[in-house]
């Protein structure tokens, strides 16, 4: 099996709820909000999130993991918000 290891990625500052924000605001809201433990260095990491809307949170998490030396980062989401074409 694949181990779930809490604590390898964590929030280092409070952020506003993403659901209250526009796409551009979401990026700024989570910038620098996450930090990864050095234990991820050289490892393949899978990040699991419930809903993918703009990808801002997952992007911020991936940047933190990459900064800590993660070798490969995968993403698994349960749902994705689709925007209707206008």
Protein backbone atom coordinates (compact mmCIF):
# COMPACT_ATOMS: atom_id res chain seq x y z
CA UNK A 1 0.00 0.00 0.00
CA UNK A 2 0.83 3.66 -0.13
CA UNK A 3 1.46 5.23 3.27
CA UNK A 4 -0.39 8.41 4.25
CA UNK A 5 2.04 10.54 6.20
CA UNK A 6 0.52 13.58 7.88
CA UNK A 7 2.94 16.35 8.70
CA UNK A 8 4.99 16.21 5.49
CA UNK A 9 3.01 19.15 4.15
CA UNK A 10 1.41 21.75 6.35
CA UNK A 11 -0.14 25.19 6.40
CA UNK A 12 2.18 27.80 7.94
CA UNK A 13 -0.24 30.70 7.95
CA UNK A 14 -3.97 31.23 7.99
CA UNK A 15 -5.73 31.93 4.70
CA UNK A 16 -9.21 33.08 3.74
CA UNK A 17 -11.59 30.37 2.47
CA UNK A 18 -10.85 29.88 -1.24
CA UNK A 19 -14.57 29.56 -2.04
CA UNK A 20 -15.01 33.26 -1.17
CA UNK A 21 -12.42 34.42 -3.73
CA UNK A 22 -12.04 35.03 -7.46
CA UNK A 23 -9.40 33.07 -9.38
CA UNK A 24 -6.66 35.73 -9.18
CA UNK A 25 -7.33 36.27 -5.48
CA UNK A 26 -7.02 32.54 -4.82
CA UNK A 27 -3.43 32.51 -6.12
CA UNK A 28 -2.41 35.37 -3.83
CA UNK A 29 -4.31 33.93 -0.89
CA UNK A 30 -2.32 30.67 -0.78
CA UNK A 31 1.06 31.98 -1.95
CA UNK A 32 3.59 30.93 0.70
CA UNK A 33 0.89 29.39 2.90
CA UNK A 34 2.34 25.86 2.86
CA UNK A 35 5.64 24.32 3.90
CA UNK A 36 6.91 20.82 3.26
CA UNK A 37 9.17 18.81 5.55
CA UNK A 38 12.65 17.97 4.33
CA UNK A 39 11.74 14.28 4.54
CA UNK A 40 10.09 14.60 1.11
CA UNK A 41 13.47 15.12 -0.58
CA UNK A 42 13.99 12.60 -3.37
CA UNK A 43 10.56 11.02 -2.88
CA UNK A 44 7.48 10.67 -5.03
CA UNK A 45 4.58 12.43 -3.28
CA UNK A 46 0.85 12.19 -3.96
CA UNK A 47 -1.28 15.14 -2.82
CA UNK A 48 -4.97 14.40 -2.28
CA UNK A 49 -7.54 17.22 -2.31
CA UNK A 50 -11.32 17.16 -2.30
CA UNK A 51 -12.18 19.71 -5.02
CA UNK A 52 -10.11 21.26 -7.81
CA UNK A 53 -11.43 24.66 -8.87
CA UNK A 54 -8.56 26.86 -10.08
CA UNK A 55 -5.63 24.72 -8.92
CA UNK A 56 -4.30 27.52 -6.71
CA UNK A 57 -4.08 25.43 -3.54
CA UNK A 58 -2.56 22.42 -5.28
CA UNK A 59 -0.08 24.68 -7.06
CA UNK A 60 1.01 26.23 -3.77
CA UNK A 61 1.38 22.77 -2.24
CA UNK A 62 3.40 21.53 -5.22
CA UNK A 63 5.73 24.54 -5.02
CA UNK A 64 6.34 23.86 -1.32
CA UNK A 65 7.02 20.17 -2.00
CA UNK A 66 9.33 20.94 -4.93
CA UNK A 67 11.16 23.49 -2.77
CA UNK A 68 11.76 20.79 -0.16
CA UNK A 69 13.20 18.48 -2.81
CA UNK A 70 10.30 16.19 -3.76
CA UNK A 71 11.32 14.23 -6.85
CA UNK A 72 7.86 13.77 -8.35
CA UNK A 73 4.50 15.21 -7.31
CA UNK A 74 1.17 13.67 -8.25
CA UNK A 75 -2.31 15.02 -7.60
CA UNK A 76 -5.55 13.20 -6.90
CA UNK A 77 -8.83 15.10 -6.57
CA UNK A 78 -12.30 13.78 -5.91
CA UNK A 79 -14.11 16.43 -7.96
CA UNK A 80 -13.36 19.24 -10.40
CA UNK A 81 -15.43 22.38 -10.89
CA UNK A 82 -16.26 22.88 -14.57
CA UNK A 83 -16.95 26.36 -15.87
CA UNK A 84 -19.56 26.80 -18.60
CA UNK A 85 -18.26 28.35 -21.83
CA UNK A 86 -19.72 31.80 -22.41
